[in-house]
Protein backbone atom coordinates (compact mmCIF):
# COMPACT_ATOMS: atom_id res chain seq x y z
CA UNK A 1 86.86 140.07 118.65
CA UNK A 2 90.28 140.32 120.32
CA UNK A 3 90.95 136.62 119.69
CA UNK A 4 90.09 137.12 116.02
CA UNK A 5 92.69 139.91 115.75
CA UNK A 6 95.29 137.75 117.51
CA UNK A 7 94.41 134.82 115.29
CA UNK A 8 94.67 137.05 112.22
CA UNK A 9 98.06 138.43 113.35
CA UNK A 10 99.67 135.10 114.26
CA UNK A 11 98.20 132.72 111.67
CA UNK A 12 97.47 134.90 108.63
CA UNK A 13 100.04 137.69 108.74
CA UNK A 14 103.00 136.16 110.60
CA UNK A 15 102.14 132.60 109.42
CA UNK A 16 102.96 130.89 112.71
CA UNK A 17 101.95 127.24 112.66
CA UNK A 18 99.06 126.10 114.88
CA UNK A 19 101.33 123.55 116.59
CA UNK A 20 103.53 126.42 117.79
CA UNK A 21 100.50 128.49 118.83
CA UNK A 22 99.18 125.62 120.98
CA UNK A 23 102.32 125.69 123.16
CA UNK A 24 101.55 129.28 124.22
CA UNK A 25 97.97 129.32 125.48
CA UNK A 26 97.66 132.67 127.25
CA UNK A 27 97.60 136.02 125.51
CA UNK A 28 100.63 137.21 127.49
CA UNK A 29 102.69 134.15 126.48
CA UNK A 30 101.76 134.60 122.85
CA UNK A 31 102.71 138.28 122.82
CA UNK A 32 106.00 137.65 124.65
CA UNK A 33 107.18 134.42 123.01
CA UNK A 34 105.66 134.73 119.55
CA UNK A 35 105.84 138.46 118.92
CA UNK A 36 108.11 140.50 121.19
CA UNK A 37 111.20 138.27 121.60
CA UNK A 38 111.30 137.09 117.96
CA UNK A 39 110.79 140.63 116.68
CA UNK A 40 113.62 142.04 118.77
CA UNK A 41 115.97 139.34 117.50
CA UNK A 42 114.68 139.70 113.94
CA UNK A 43 115.24 143.47 114.04
CA UNK A 44 118.73 142.90 115.43
CA UNK A 45 119.48 140.51 112.56
CA UNK A 46 117.96 142.81 109.94
CA UNK A 47 119.90 145.79 111.31
CA UNK A 48 123.22 143.91 111.10
CA UNK A 49 122.31 142.48 107.70
CA UNK A 50 121.20 145.73 106.09
CA UNK A 51 124.03 147.91 107.44
CA UNK A 52 126.57 145.23 106.54
CA UNK A 53 125.37 144.84 102.97
CA UNK A 54 124.90 148.55 102.26
CA UNK A 55 128.24 149.56 103.78
CA UNK A 56 130.03 147.00 101.58
CA UNK A 57 128.22 148.08 98.41
CA UNK A 58 127.88 151.88 98.63
CA UNK A 59 129.57 152.79 101.89
CA UNK A 60 127.79 153.90 105.04
CA UNK A 61 124.38 155.21 104.01
CA UNK A 62 121.54 155.20 106.57
CA UNK A 63 118.75 155.70 104.03
CA UNK A 64 119.65 152.65 101.96
CA UNK A 65 120.25 150.64 105.11
CA UNK A 66 116.79 151.46 106.45
CA UNK A 67 115.21 150.75 103.05
CA UNK A 68 116.94 147.37 102.78
CA UNK A 69 115.96 146.58 106.39
CA UNK A 70 112.30 147.43 105.75
CA UNK A 71 112.19 145.40 102.53
CA UNK A 72 113.90 142.47 104.27
CA UNK A 73 111.37 142.56 107.13
CA UNK A 74 108.42 142.66 104.72
CA UNK A 75 109.88 139.83 102.66
CA UNK A 76 110.55 137.64 105.72
CA UNK A 77 106.99 138.11 107.00
CA UNK A 78 105.27 137.89 103.59
CA UNK A 79 107.23 134.82 102.44
CA UNK A 80 106.25 132.96 105.63
CA UNK A 81 109.75 132.70 107.07
CA UNK A 82 108.72 134.37 110.31
CA UNK A 83 106.65 131.38 111.45
CA UNK A 84 109.64 129.13 110.86
CA UNK A 85 112.13 131.51 112.50
CA UNK A 86 110.12 131.91 115.73
CA UNK A 87 111.25 128.58 117.15
CA UNK A 88 114.84 129.22 116.04
CA UNK A 89 114.90 132.64 117.69
CA UNK A 90 113.51 131.29 120.96
CA UNK A 91 116.07 128.47 121.00
CA UNK A 92 118.88 130.87 120.14
CA UNK A 93 117.83 133.27 122.88
CA UNK A 94 117.80 130.49 125.49
CA UNK A 95 121.25 129.35 124.37
CA UNK A 96 122.62 132.91 124.33
CA UNK A 97 121.23 133.65 127.80
CA UNK A 98 122.68 130.42 129.20
CA UNK A 99 126.10 131.18 127.73
CA UNK A 100 125.95 134.78 128.96
CA UNK A 101 125.09 133.64 132.49
CA UNK A 102 127.96 131.14 132.45
CA UNK A 103 130.42 133.80 131.25
CA UNK A 104 129.08 136.26 133.83
CA UNK A 105 129.65 133.84 136.71
CA UNK A 106 133.06 132.86 135.39
CA UNK A 107 134.08 136.51 135.07
CA UNK A 108 132.85 137.22 138.61
CA UNK A 109 134.77 134.29 140.08
CA UNK A 110 137.83 134.77 137.89
CA UNK A 111 138.19 138.51 137.39
CA UNK A 112 140.02 139.40 134.16
CA UNK A 113 142.83 141.20 136.02
CA UNK A 114 143.37 138.15 138.20
CA UNK A 115 142.95 135.79 135.29
CA UNK A 116 146.01 136.99 133.38
CA UNK A 117 148.20 136.58 136.45
CA UNK A 118 146.61 133.21 137.16
CA UNK A 119 147.17 132.11 133.58
CA UNK A 120 150.84 133.11 133.81
CA UNK A 121 151.15 131.18 137.05
CA UNK A 122 149.45 128.13 135.50
CA UNK A 123 151.83 128.40 132.54
CA UNK A 124 154.85 128.39 134.86
CA UNK A 125 153.46 125.41 136.77
CA UNK A 126 152.92 123.61 133.46
CA UNK A 127 156.47 124.39 132.35
CA UNK A 128 157.96 123.12 135.60
CA UNK A 129 155.87 119.95 135.38
CA UNK A 130 157.00 119.45 131.80
CA UNK A 131 160.64 119.94 132.82
CA UNK A 132 160.19 117.40 135.61
CA UNK A 133 158.63 114.91 133.21
CA UNK A 134 161.42 115.50 130.68
CA UNK A 135 164.11 114.98 133.34
CA UNK A 136 162.37 111.83 134.52
CA UNK A 137 162.20 110.50 130.96
CA UNK A 138 165.87 111.36 130.39
CA UNK A 139 166.84 109.62 133.63
CA UNK A 140 164.87 106.53 132.63
CA UNK A 141 166.57 106.54 129.21
CA UNK A 142 170.04 106.82 130.79
CA UNK A 143 169.25 103.97 133.19
CA UNK A 144 168.15 101.80 130.25
CA UNK A 145 171.39 102.58 128.42
CA UNK A 146 173.44 101.71 131.54
CA UNK A 147 171.59 98.40 131.85
CA UNK A 148 172.30 97.63 128.19
CA UNK A 149 176.00 98.46 128.71
CA UNK A 150 176.13 96.21 131.80
CA UNK A 151 174.72 93.33 129.74
CA UNK A 152 177.31 93.90 127.01
CA UNK A 153 180.12 94.03 129.59
CA UNK A 154 178.85 90.79 131.18
CA UNK A 155 178.74 89.12 127.77
CA UNK A 156 182.32 90.26 127.06
CA UNK A 157 183.49 88.98 130.47
CA UNK A 158 181.89 85.60 129.76
CA UNK A 159 183.63 85.55 126.36
CA UNK A 160 186.92 86.46 128.05
CA UNK A 161 186.54 83.58 130.54
CA UNK A 162 186.40 80.97 127.76
CA UNK A 163 189.99 80.34 126.90
CA UNK A 164 190.60 82.38 123.77
CA UNK A 165 193.79 83.48 122.07
CA UNK A 166 195.68 86.54 123.41
CA UNK A 167 194.86 88.93 120.51
CA UNK A 168 191.13 88.24 120.87
CA UNK A 169 191.47 88.66 124.65
CA UNK A 170 193.18 92.07 124.17
CA UNK A 171 190.42 93.14 121.76
CA UNK A 172 187.72 92.08 124.27
CA UNK A 173 189.49 93.94 127.11
CA UNK A 174 189.69 97.09 124.95
CA UNK A 175 185.94 96.85 124.14
CA UNK A 176 185.16 96.21 127.80
CA UNK A 177 187.20 99.28 128.82
CA UNK A 178 185.32 101.44 126.26
CA UNK A 179 181.95 100.17 127.50
CA UNK A 180 182.92 100.79 131.14
CA UNK A 181 184.00 104.35 130.24
CA UNK A 182 180.62 104.94 128.53
CA UNK A 183 178.86 103.51 131.59
CA UNK A 184 180.76 105.88 133.94
CA UNK A 185 179.89 108.89 131.72
CA UNK A 186 176.20 107.95 131.80
CA UNK A 187 176.28 107.36 135.57
CA UNK A 188 177.79 110.83 136.05
CA UNK A 189 174.79 112.35 134.19
CA UNK A 190 172.36 110.87 136.71
């Protein structure tokens, strides 16, 4: 007799598929996993849904919210959505509990008052590392420019060594002096 009532409730009224019913063999498992947990989550959803819709349409009105909630519950059960939603609700609950446990342990290890100070400290460490990287990149860039200037000066000295006319030699010496001045300025920045 009791199994007939349970069978009537789960298969005929709530329209839960037999494949889902097979996973929960004991009466206690069926009541907990197929009735209690999904109903709590369904009522939570319906509450948020009905109060959200009614408050947007007519303003806060408890009577209309309860009426819309009741009609929504009846529709979900009568249309057969409940049997489909059971597995979704159980999966959602497991995910929500896992996330809540993770956040709980993180908040215990990293207390919010310590977290803001720690985040500021991590920000300062990040800034100092970024400054160090920027200085290192700037130094590398200056060294590359100095090397390029040295090559140009060497090329001008080689040109100067080949017997060329005096005006060309004066022009080369002036260019070489400018390049050496640029090289000294860059070396002073290191």
